[in-house]
C-alpha atoms as a PDB file:
ATOM      1  CA  UNK A   1      13.545  75.796  12.078  1.00  0.00           C
ATOM      2  CA  UNK A   2      16.639  73.742  11.887  1.00  0.00           C
ATOM      3  CA  UNK A   3      15.155  70.459  12.296  1.00  0.00           C
ATOM      4  CA  UNK A   4      12.685  71.409   9.659  1.00  0.00           C
ATOM      5  CA  UNK A   5      15.423  71.852   7.072  1.00  0.00           C
ATOM      6  CA  UNK A   6      17.062  68.871   8.387  1.00  0.00           C
ATOM      7  CA  UNK A   7      13.940  66.836   7.934  1.00  0.00           C
ATOM      8  CA  UNK A   8      13.586  68.026   4.378  1.00  0.00           C
ATOM      9  CA  UNK A   9      17.072  67.794   3.345  1.00  0.00           C
ATOM     10  CA  UNK A  10      16.885  64.153   4.323  1.00  0.00           C
ATOM     11  CA  UNK A  11      13.390  63.663   2.721  1.00  0.00           C
ATOM     12  CA  UNK A  12      14.936  64.771  -0.788  1.00  0.00           C
ATOM     13  CA  UNK A  13      17.939  62.528  -0.329  1.00  0.00           C
ATOM     14  CA  UNK A  14      15.763  59.665   0.276  1.00  0.00           C
ATOM     15  CA  UNK A  15      13.672  60.244  -2.618  1.00  0.00           C
ATOM     16  CA  UNK A  16      16.673  60.963  -5.044  1.00  0.00           C
ATOM     17  CA  UNK A  17      18.701  57.715  -3.820  1.00  0.00           C
ATOM     18  CA  UNK A  18      15.245  55.606  -4.734  1.00  0.00           C
ATOM     19  CA  UNK A  19      14.633  57.239  -7.839  1.00  0.00           C
ATOM     20  CA  UNK A  20      18.740  56.743  -8.622  1.00  0.00           C
ATOM     21  CA  UNK A  21      18.607  52.883  -7.865  1.00  0.00           C
ATOM     22  CA  UNK A  22      15.040  51.916  -8.724  1.00  0.00           C
ATOM     23  CA  UNK A  23      13.588  54.445 -10.703  1.00  0.00           C
ATOM     24  CA  UNK A  24      15.094  54.056 -14.174  1.00  0.00           C
ATOM     25  CA  UNK A  25      15.481  50.216 -14.230  1.00  0.00           C
ATOM     26  CA  UNK A  26      14.177  48.707 -17.248  1.00  0.00           C
ATOM     27  CA  UNK A  27      14.601  51.592 -19.328  1.00  0.00           C
ATOM     28  CA  UNK A  28      16.611  51.466 -22.478  1.00  0.00           C
ATOM     29  CA  UNK A  29      19.955  53.486 -22.610  1.00  0.00           C
ATOM     30  CA  UNK A  30      22.612  53.711 -25.212  1.00  0.00           C
ATOM     31  CA  UNK A  31      25.485  52.602 -22.472  1.00  0.00           C
ATOM     32  CA  UNK A  32      25.128  50.115 -20.163  1.00  0.00           C
ATOM     33  CA  UNK A  33      23.094  51.014 -16.908  1.00  0.00           C
ATOM     34  CA  UNK A  34      25.037  51.987 -13.715  1.00  0.00           C
ATOM     35  CA  UNK A  35      23.895  49.186 -11.601  1.00  0.00           C
ATOM     36  CA  UNK A  36      24.233  48.879  -7.548  1.00  0.00           C
ATOM     37  CA  UNK A  37      22.381  45.557  -7.293  1.00  0.00           C
ATOM     38  CA  UNK A  38      22.831  43.322 -10.222  1.00  0.00           C
ATOM     39  CA  UNK A  39      19.951  41.094  -8.660  1.00  0.00           C
ATOM     40  CA  UNK A  40      22.076  37.890 -10.325  1.00  0.00           C
ATOM     41  CA  UNK A  41      21.426  38.969 -13.590  1.00  0.00           C
ATOM     42  CA  UNK A  42      24.800  38.037 -14.580  1.00  0.00           C
ATOM     43  CA  UNK A  43      25.223  34.915 -12.691  1.00  0.00           C
ATOM     44  CA  UNK A  44      26.967  31.673 -13.708  1.00  0.00           C
ATOM     45  CA  UNK A  45      24.839  29.602 -15.443  1.00  0.00           C
ATOM     46  CA  UNK A  46      23.844  27.645 -18.518  1.00  0.00           C
ATOM     47  CA  UNK A  47      21.734  27.891 -21.134  1.00  0.00           C
ATOM     48  CA  UNK A  48      19.942  25.195 -23.466  1.00  0.00           C
ATOM     49  CA  UNK A  49      21.958  24.206 -26.302  1.00  0.00           C
ATOM     50  CA  UNK A  50      24.761  26.402 -25.756  1.00  0.00           C
ATOM     51  CA  UNK A  51      28.466  25.133 -25.470  1.00  0.00           C
ATOM     52  CA  UNK A  52      30.127  24.955 -21.655  1.00  0.00           C
ATOM     53  CA  UNK A  53      33.222  24.762 -20.423  1.00  0.00           C
ATOM     54  CA  UNK A  54      31.727  23.179 -17.049  1.00  0.00           C
ATOM     55  CA  UNK A  55      31.388  19.655 -18.163  1.00  0.00           C
ATOM     56  CA  UNK A  56      34.148  17.508 -19.971  1.00  0.00           C
ATOM     57  CA  UNK A  57      31.932  16.996 -23.160  1.00  0.00           C
ATOM     58  CA  UNK A  58      31.646  20.694 -23.659  1.00  0.00           C
ATOM     59  CA  UNK A  59      27.813  20.667 -23.656  1.00  0.00           C
ATOM     60  CA  UNK A  60      25.786  22.767 -21.071  1.00  0.00           C
ATOM     61  CA  UNK A  61      22.369  20.297 -21.581  1.00  0.00           C
ATOM     62  CA  UNK A  62      22.735  17.217 -19.215  1.00  0.00           C
ATOM     63  CA  UNK A  63      21.604  13.828 -20.993  1.00  0.00           C
ATOM     64  CA  UNK A  64      18.727  12.090 -18.945  1.00  0.00           C
ATOM     65  CA  UNK A  65      19.970   9.504 -16.373  1.00  0.00           C
ATOM     66  CA  UNK A  66      19.775   6.242 -17.760  1.00  0.00           C
ATOM     67  CA  UNK A  67      16.848   4.384 -17.267  1.00  0.00           C
ATOM     68  CA  UNK A  68      14.726   7.646 -17.162  1.00  0.00           C
ATOM     69  CA  UNK A  69      10.977   7.329 -18.613  1.00  0.00           C
ATOM     70  CA  UNK A  70       8.872  10.228 -19.079  1.00  0.00           C
ATOM     71  CA  UNK A  71       6.249  11.068 -16.892  1.00  0.00           C
ATOM     72  CA  UNK A  72       3.783  11.053 -19.953  1.00  0.00           C
ATOM     73  CA  UNK A  73       5.530   8.310 -21.518  1.00  0.00           C
ATOM     74  CA  UNK A  74       3.758   5.068 -21.694  1.00  0.00           C
ATOM     75  CA  UNK A  75       5.366   1.787 -20.617  1.00  0.00           C
ATOM     76  CA  UNK A  76       6.233  -1.029 -22.418  1.00  0.00           C
ATOM     77  CA  UNK A  77       3.188  -3.225 -21.501  1.00  0.00           C
ATOM     78  CA  UNK A  78       0.176  -0.903 -20.485  1.00  0.00           C
ATOM     79  CA  UNK A  79      -1.444  -2.876 -18.083  1.00  0.00           C
ATOM     80  CA  UNK A  80       2.027  -3.371 -16.467  1.00  0.00           C
ATOM     81  CA  UNK A  81       2.200   0.242 -16.054  1.00  0.00           C
ATOM     82  CA  UNK A  82      -1.391   1.476 -15.263  1.00  0.00           C
ATOM     83  CA  UNK A  83      -3.458  -1.304 -14.244  1.00  0.00           C
ATOM     84  CA  UNK A  84      -5.922  -1.005 -17.657  1.00  0.00           C
ATOM     85  CA  UNK A  85      -6.480  -3.224 -20.300  1.00  0.00           C
ATOM     86  CA  UNK A  86      -7.612   0.031 -22.210  1.00  0.00           C
ATOM     87  CA  UNK A  87      -8.516   3.487 -21.754  1.00  0.00           C
ATOM     88  CA  UNK A  88     -11.847   2.568 -19.619  1.00  0.00           C
ATOM     89  CA  UNK A  89     -11.563  -0.975 -18.265  1.00  0.00           C
ATOM     90  CA  UNK A  90      -9.146  -2.029 -14.964  1.00  0.00           C
ATOM     91  CA  UNK A  91      -7.204  -5.359 -15.650  1.00  0.00           C
ATOM     92  CA  UNK A  92      -7.475  -8.146 -13.220  1.00  0.00           C
ATOM     93  CA  UNK A  93      -4.129 -10.608 -12.830  1.00  0.00           C
ATOM     94  CA  UNK A  94      -0.706 -10.374 -12.057  1.00  0.00           C
ATOM     95  CA  UNK A  95       1.371  -9.247 -14.962  1.00  0.00           C
ATOM     96  CA  UNK A  96       4.193 -11.612 -14.638  1.00  0.00           C
ATOM     97  CA  UNK A  97       7.589 -11.374 -16.491  1.00  0.00           C
ATOM     98  CA  UNK A  98      10.870 -12.594 -16.382  1.00  0.00           C
ATOM     99  CA  UNK A  99      13.852 -10.539 -14.669  1.00  0.00           C
ATOM    100  CA  UNK A 100      14.684  -7.381 -16.538  1.00  0.00           C
ATOM    101  CA  UNK A 101      18.069  -5.170 -15.895  1.00  0.00           C
ATOM    102  CA  UNK A 102      19.496  -7.969 -13.548  1.00  0.00           C
ATOM    103  CA  UNK A 103      16.470  -7.934 -11.387  1.00  0.00           C
ATOM    104  CA  UNK A 104      14.220 -10.280  -9.660  1.00  0.00           C
ATOM    105  CA  UNK A 105      11.081 -11.962 -12.127  1.00  0.00           C
ATOM    106  CA  UNK A 106       7.642 -10.753 -11.123  1.00  0.00           C
ATOM    107  CA  UNK A 107       5.790 -14.228 -10.732  1.00  0.00           C
ATOM    108  CA  UNK A 108       3.594 -15.191  -8.143  1.00  0.00           C
ATOM    109  CA  UNK A 109       5.599 -17.339  -5.570  1.00  0.00           C
ATOM    110  CA  UNK A 110       7.067 -17.023  -2.083  1.00  0.00           C
ATOM    111  CA  UNK A 111       9.969 -15.073  -2.503  1.00  0.00           C
ATOM    112  CA  UNK A 112       7.751 -12.212  -4.473  1.00  0.00           C
ATOM    113  CA  UNK A 113       4.846 -12.647  -1.820  1.00  0.00           C
ATOM    114  CA  UNK A 114       7.664 -11.891   0.945  1.00  0.00           C
ATOM    115  CA  UNK A 115       8.858  -8.850  -1.011  1.00  0.00           C
ATOM    116  CA  UNK A 116       4.692  -7.575  -1.170  1.00  0.00           C
ATOM    117  CA  UNK A 117       4.663  -8.249   2.493  1.00  0.00           C
ATOM    118  CA  UNK A 118       7.949  -6.593   3.381  1.00  0.00           C
ATOM    119  CA  UNK A 119       6.561  -3.391   0.861  1.00  0.00           C
ATOM    120  CA  UNK A 120       3.547  -3.415   2.671  1.00  0.00           C
ATOM    121  CA  UNK A 121       4.738  -3.441   6.384  1.00  0.00           C
ATOM    122  CA  UNK A 122       6.988  -0.661   5.418  1.00  0.00           C
ATOM    123  CA  UNK A 123       4.546   1.867   3.539  1.00  0.00           C
ATOM    124  CA  UNK A 124       0.822   0.467   4.197  1.00  0.00           C
ATOM    125  CA  UNK A 125       0.953  -0.954   7.407  1.00  0.00           C
ATOM    126  CA  UNK A 126       0.827   2.246   9.350  1.00  0.00           C
ATOM    127  CA  UNK A 127      -2.678   3.216   7.961  1.00  0.00           C
ATOM    128  CA  UNK A 128      -4.386  -0.224   6.755  1.00  0.00           C
ATOM    129  CA  UNK A 129      -3.078  -2.104   9.902  1.00  0.00           C
ATOM    130  CA  UNK A 130      -0.851  -5.693   9.672  1.00  0.00           C
ATOM    131  CA  UNK A 131      -4.059  -7.567   8.956  1.00  0.00           C
ATOM    132  CA  UNK A 132      -5.444  -4.943   6.003  1.00  0.00           C
ATOM    133  CA  UNK A 133      -8.467  -4.087   8.297  1.00  0.00           C
ATOM    134  CA  UNK A 134      -7.980  -0.635   8.418  1.00  0.00           C
ATOM    135  CA  UNK A 135      -7.068  -0.322  11.717  1.00  0.00           C
ATOM    136  CA  UNK A 136      -3.365   0.772  11.862  1.00  0.00           C
ATOM    137  CA  UNK A 137      -1.626   2.635  14.441  1.00  0.00           C
ATOM    138  CA  UNK A 138      -2.297   6.383  12.699  1.00  0.00           C
ATOM    139  CA  UNK A 139      -5.958   5.374  13.352  1.00  0.00           C
ATOM    140  CA  UNK A 140      -5.518   5.322  17.339  1.00  0.00           C
ATOM    141  CA  UNK A 141      -4.471   9.234  16.670  1.00  0.00           C
ATOM    142  CA  UNK A 142      -7.633  11.032  14.817  1.00  0.00           C
ATOM    143  CA  UNK A 143      -7.097   9.108  11.243  1.00  0.00           C
ATOM    144  CA  UNK A 144     -10.589   8.056  10.062  1.00  0.00           C
ATOM    145  CA  UNK A 145     -11.868   6.508   7.148  1.00  0.00           C
ATOM    146  CA  UNK A 146      -9.105   3.998   6.243  1.00  0.00           C
ATOM    147  CA  UNK A 147      -9.752   1.597   4.272  1.00  0.00           C
ATOM    148  CA  UNK A 148     -10.929  -1.998   5.382  1.00  0.00           C
ATOM    149  CA  UNK A 149      -9.575  -4.694   2.930  1.00  0.00           C
ATOM    150  CA  UNK A 150     -11.921  -6.896   3.705  1.00  0.00           C
ATOM    151  CA  UNK A 151     -14.748  -5.172   2.906  1.00  0.00           C
ATOM    152  CA  UNK A 152     -16.681  -6.189   0.103  1.00  0.00           C
ATOM    153  CA  UNK A 153     -16.134  -3.465  -2.309  1.00  0.00           C
ATOM    154  CA  UNK A 154     -12.219  -3.651  -1.803  1.00  0.00           C
ATOM    155  CA  UNK A 155     -12.415  -7.333  -2.295  1.00  0.00           C
ATOM    156  CA  UNK A 156     -14.152  -6.962  -5.430  1.00  0.00           C
ATOM    157  CA  UNK A 157     -12.117  -4.303  -6.718  1.00  0.00           C
ATOM    158  CA  UNK A 158      -9.859  -5.836  -9.664  1.00  0.00           C
ATOM    159  CA  UNK A 159      -6.372  -5.941  -9.385  1.00  0.00           C
ATOM    160  CA  UNK A 160      -5.408  -2.836 -11.680  1.00  0.00           C
ATOM    161  CA  UNK A 161      -7.650  -0.423  -9.916  1.00  0.00           C
ATOM    162  CA  UNK A 162      -5.661  -1.545  -6.542  1.00  0.00           C
ATOM    163  CA  UNK A 163      -2.748  -1.175  -8.499  1.00  0.00           C
ATOM    164  CA  UNK A 164      -3.796   2.357  -8.978  1.00  0.00           C
ATOM    165  CA  UNK A 165      -4.757   3.540  -6.014  1.00  0.00           C
ATOM    166  CA  UNK A 166      -1.573   2.579  -4.533  1.00  0.00           C
ATOM    167  CA  UNK A 167      -0.010   4.765  -7.710  1.00  0.00           C
ATOM    168  CA  UNK A 168      -1.841   7.821  -7.668  1.00  0.00           C
ATOM    169  CA  UNK A 169      -3.398   7.474  -4.279  1.00  0.00           C
ATOM    170  CA  UNK A 170      -7.719   7.924  -3.601  1.00  0.00           C
ATOM    171  CA  UNK A 171      -9.521  10.122  -1.351  1.00  0.00           C
ATOM    172  CA  UNK A 172      -7.292  11.143   1.547  1.00  0.00           C
ATOM    173  CA  UNK A 173      -4.354   8.704   0.910  1.00  0.00           C
ATOM    174  CA  UNK A 174      -1.286   9.871  -1.240  1.00  0.00           C
ATOM    175  CA  UNK A 175      -0.149   8.275  -4.354  1.00  0.00           C
ATOM    176  CA  UNK A 176       3.125   6.179  -3.885  1.00  0.00           C
ATOM    177  CA  UNK A 177       4.220   5.718  -7.514  1.00  0.00           C
ATOM    178  CA  UNK A 178       7.356   8.227  -6.639  1.00  0.00           C
ATOM    179  CA  UNK A 179       9.083   5.928  -4.450  1.00  0.00           C
ATOM    180  CA  UNK A 180       7.565   2.148  -5.019  1.00  0.00           C
ATOM    181  CA  UNK A 181       8.686   0.312  -8.122  1.00  0.00           C
ATOM    182  CA  UNK A 182       5.837  -0.871 -10.206  1.00  0.00           C
ATOM    183  CA  UNK A 183       6.814  -4.404  -9.818  1.00  0.00           C
ATOM    184  CA  UNK A 184       6.717  -3.747  -5.939  1.00  0.00           C
ATOM    185  CA  UNK A 185       3.324  -2.558  -6.198  1.00  0.00           C
ATOM    186  CA  UNK A 186       2.053  -5.704  -8.050  1.00  0.00           C
ATOM    187  CA  UNK A 187       3.707  -7.399  -5.332  1.00  0.00           C
ATOM    188  CA  UNK A 188       1.550  -5.609  -2.445  1.00  0.00           C
ATOM    189  CA  UNK A 189      -1.212  -6.074  -4.327  1.00  0.00           C
ATOM    190  CA  UNK A 190      -0.061  -9.800  -4.450  1.00  0.00           C
ATOM    191  CA  UNK A 191      -0.348  -9.783  -0.351  1.00  0.00           C
ATOM    192  CA  UNK A 192      -3.285  -7.933  -0.311  1.00  0.00           C
ATOM    193  CA  UNK A 193      -5.247 -10.577  -2.240  1.00  0.00           C
ATOM    194  CA  UNK A 194      -3.315 -13.320   0.621  1.00  0.00           C
ATOM    195  CA  UNK A 195      -4.838 -11.067   3.236  1.00  0.00           C
ATOM    196  CA  UNK A 196      -8.320 -11.131   2.141  1.00  0.00           C
ATOM    197  CA  UNK A 197      -8.227 -14.660   1.255  1.00  0.00           C
ATOM    198  CA  UNK A 198      -6.843 -15.324   5.187  1.00  0.00           C
ATOM    199  CA  UNK A 199     -10.050 -13.826   6.185  1.00  0.00           C
ATOM    200  CA  UNK A 200     -12.256 -15.659   4.074  1.00  0.00           C
ATOM    201  CA  UNK A 201     -11.394 -19.223   3.881  1.00  0.00           C
ATOM    202  CA  UNK A 202     -13.901 -22.012   4.271  1.00  0.00           C
ATOM    203  CA  UNK A 203     -13.649 -25.555   4.780  1.00  0.00           C
ATOM    204  CA  UNK A 204     -13.436 -26.417   1.080  1.00  0.00           C
ATOM    205  CA  UNK A 205      -9.937 -24.766   0.733  1.00  0.00           C
ATOM    206  CA  UNK A 206      -8.425 -27.427   3.056  1.00  0.00           C
ATOM    207  CA  UNK A 207      -7.509 -30.584   1.649  1.00  0.00           C
ATOM    208  CA  UNK A 208     -10.171 -33.620   2.047  1.00  0.00           C
ATOM    209  CA  UNK A 209      -6.990 -34.791   4.547  1.00  0.00           C
ATOM    210  CA  UNK A 210      -6.987 -31.785   6.356  1.00  0.00           C
ATOM    211  CA  UNK A 211     -10.875 -31.839   6.112  1.00  0.00           C
ATOM    212  CA  UNK A 212     -10.787 -35.714   7.611  1.00  0.00           C
ATOM    213  CA  UNK A 213      -8.186 -34.468  10.525  1.00  0.00           C
ATOM    214  CA  UNK A 214     -10.737 -31.591  11.553  1.00  0.00           C
ATOM    215  CA  UNK A 215     -13.735 -33.742  11.589  1.00  0.00           C
ATOM    216  CA  UNK A 216     -11.747 -36.302  14.009  1.00  0.00           C
ATOM    217  CA  UNK A 217     -10.474 -33.774  16.073  1.00  0.00           C
ATOM    218  CA  UNK A 218     -14.073 -32.237  16.536  1.00  0.00           C
ATOM    219  CA  UNK A 219     -15.512 -35.097  19.190  1.00  0.00           C
ATOM    220  CA  UNK A 220     -19.240 -35.845  18.750  1.00  0.00           C
ATOM    221  CA  UNK A 221     -21.324 -34.427  21.627  1.00  0.00           C
ATOM    222  CA  UNK A 222     -21.882 -37.323  24.158  1.00  0.00           C
ATOM    223  CA  UNK A 223     -25.317 -39.092  23.680  1.00  0.00           C
ATOM    224  CA  UNK A 224     -28.278 -37.913  26.029  1.00  0.00           C
ATOM    225  CA  UNK A 225     -29.115 -40.582  28.881  1.00  0.00           C
ATOM    226  CA  UNK A 226     -31.859 -42.467  28.230  1.00  0.00           C
ATOM    227  CA  UNK A 227     -35.064 -41.884  30.187  1.00  0.00           C
ATOM    228  CA  UNK A 228     -35.642 -43.843  33.256  1.00  0.00           C
ATOM    229  CA  UNK A 229     -38.479 -46.113  33.541  1.00  0.00           C
ATOM    230  CA  UNK A 230     -41.661 -45.048  35.808  1.00  0.00           C
ATOM    231  CA  UNK A 231     -41.237 -45.732  39.484  1.00  0.00           C
ATOM    232  CA  UNK A 232     -37.672 -46.766  38.833  1.00  0.00           C
ATOM    233  CA  UNK A 233     -35.644 -45.693  42.077  1.00  0.00           C
ATOM    234  CA  UNK A 234     -32.377 -46.702  40.720  1.00  0.00           C
ATOM    235  CA  UNK A 235     -31.490 -44.520  38.037  1.00  0.00           C
ATOM    236  CA  UNK A 236     -29.378 -41.083  38.483  1.00  0.00           C
ATOM    237  CA  UNK A 237     -30.226 -37.617  39.194  1.00  0.00           C
ATOM    238  CA  UNK A 238     -30.613 -35.458  36.265  1.00  0.00           C
ATOM    239  CA  UNK A 239     -27.626 -33.577  35.725  1.00  0.00           C
ATOM    240  CA  UNK A 240     -27.465 -29.923  34.983  1.00  0.00           C
ATOM    241  CA  UNK A 241     -26.527 -29.179  31.745  1.00  0.00           C
ATOM    242  CA  UNK A 242     -22.792 -28.104  30.829  1.00  0.00           C
ATOM    243  CA  UNK A 243     -22.173 -24.257  30.544  1.00  0.00           C
ATOM    244  CA  UNK A 244     -21.425 -23.126  27.198  1.00  0.00           C
ATOM    245  CA  UNK A 245     -17.527 -22.804  28.274  1.00  0.00           C
ATOM    246  CA  UNK A 246     -17.324 -26.477  28.400  1.00  0.00           C
ATOM    247  CA  UNK A 247     -19.396 -27.894  25.690  1.00  0.00           C
ATOM    248  CA  UNK A 248     -17.639 -30.259  23.512  1.00  0.00           C
ATOM    249  CA  UNK A 249     -16.250 -28.080  20.352  1.00  0.00           C
ATOM    250  CA  UNK A 250     -17.724 -28.396  17.125  1.00  0.00           C
ATOM    251  CA  UNK A 251     -15.807 -28.724  13.677  1.00  0.00           C
ATOM    252  CA  UNK A 252     -16.241 -24.879  13.302  1.00  0.00           C
ATOM    253  CA  UNK A 253     -14.418 -24.322  16.837  1.00  0.00           C
ATOM    254  CA  UNK A 254     -11.288 -26.252  16.347  1.00  0.00           C
ATOM    255  CA  UNK A 255      -8.268 -24.525  16.311  1.00  0.00           C
ATOM    256  CA  UNK A 256      -5.278 -26.352  14.887  1.00  0.00           C
ATOM    257  CA  UNK A 257      -2.224 -25.715  12.524  1.00  0.00           C
ATOM    258  CA  UNK A 258      -2.543 -26.880   8.921  1.00  0.00           C
ATOM    259  CA  UNK A 259      -1.242 -26.015   5.235  1.00  0.00           C
ATOM    260  CA  UNK A 260      -3.975 -24.855   2.735  1.00  0.00           C
ATOM    261  CA  UNK A 261      -3.784 -26.530  -0.521  1.00  0.00           C
ATOM    262  CA  UNK A 262      -1.540 -24.195  -2.588  1.00  0.00           C
ATOM    263  CA  UNK A 263      -2.863 -20.990  -4.154  1.00  0.00           C
ATOM    264  CA  UNK A 264      -2.336 -19.282  -7.475  1.00  0.00           C
ATOM    265  CA  UNK A 265       1.156 -20.150  -8.928  1.00  0.00           C
ATOM    266  CA  UNK A 266       1.540 -23.028  -6.361  1.00  0.00           C
ATOM    267  CA  UNK A 267       1.902 -20.456  -3.267  1.00  0.00           C
ATOM    268  CA  UNK A 268       2.482 -22.499  -0.080  1.00  0.00           C
ATOM    269  CA  UNK A 269       0.031 -20.568   2.141  1.00  0.00           C
ATOM    270  CA  UNK A 270       0.689 -21.705   6.113  1.00  0.00           C
ATOM    271  CA  UNK A 271      -2.391 -21.146   8.069  1.00  0.00           C
ATOM    272  CA  UNK A 272      -3.596 -21.435  11.344  1.00  0.00           C
ATOM    273  CA  UNK A 273      -7.258 -22.018  11.646  1.00  0.00           C
ATOM    274  CA  UNK A 274      -9.447 -19.495  13.681  1.00  0.00           C
ATOM    275  CA  UNK A 275     -12.942 -19.968  14.641  1.00  0.00           C
ATOM    276  CA  UNK A 276     -15.424 -17.767  12.584  1.00  0.00           C
ATOM    277  CA  UNK A 277     -19.006 -16.610  13.394  1.00  0.00           C
ATOM    278  CA  UNK A 278     -20.143 -18.125  10.243  1.00  0.00           C
ATOM    279  CA  UNK A 279     -20.671 -21.844  10.054  1.00  0.00           C
ATOM    280  CA  UNK A 280     -18.195 -24.151   8.269  1.00  0.00           C
ATOM    281  CA  UNK A 281     -16.120 -20.605   7.829  1.00  0.00           C
ATOM    282  CA  UNK A 282     -12.890 -20.149   9.462  1.00  0.00           C
ATOM    283  CA  UNK A 283     -10.342 -17.549   9.779  1.00  0.00           C
ATOM    284  CA  UNK A 284      -6.491 -18.108   8.603  1.00  0.00           C
ATOM    285  CA  UNK A 285      -3.244 -16.435   9.798  1.00  0.00           C
ATOM    286  CA  UNK A 286      -1.330 -16.068   6.935  1.00  0.00           C
ATOM    287  CA  UNK A 287       2.400 -16.674   6.879  1.00  0.00           C
ATOM    288  CA  UNK A 288       4.964 -18.196   4.621  1.00  0.00           C
ATOM    289  CA  UNK A 289       7.585 -20.703   5.413  1.00  0.00           C
ATOM    290  CA  UNK A 290      10.495 -18.301   4.507  1.00  0.00           C
END
């Protein structure tokens, strides 16, 4: 009998405590309620447009950090900030400008290209690969569908659309607008264009002097020996044809280091010619004399 009494008293006590602590929360009283757990209702905080003794200027609301731009605020140059000429058209070209706020100017030159290469190596190379072929290290660990910049759809993509992809992402790629400055995004676009050109350069990209040097290095194949006259026993025996590995290299097989003519903005393109599967077409290993 006693255990039942104890249980009943304990149950009633628990119900009383629950109603005492939480049962009347939110009700209106003429006197301040008794609060056991104030739940941070009276924490130290500031309110908008209210004075505060915490800051030296006496204002609770703090001004934005110098240089802060609201997310919805357009840039002074819409194309520079968005990659679009207008609401529906992507633009093409690098929006060059002079130095701003003590920074470096944005223009097509070796220094900006080097910066783009550095930013690309840090942010993009893990997925897209050093050559931009979509074979970065992450593809060895299960990430599929990484863009290959040398595919036609990316080679034909406008500069503004590439810029927008870096900013906002596309598909499984996240956007990097939050941690790559606008100018550095354009420098990455410049470097991607250099990677694309490096794999699709042709003989026409070389100067006449360089083309002549390549032609000179390609030794002409030996003329076939004249057929022996009938009954001529002194004629040398026919020799078997050389294997493919011993053939004299043709123009498209020559490998040598050259300097490609200056690209847009007079960029010195330091390249190495590599044989390509297509006739009179070379691939270039892009480097810069930094």
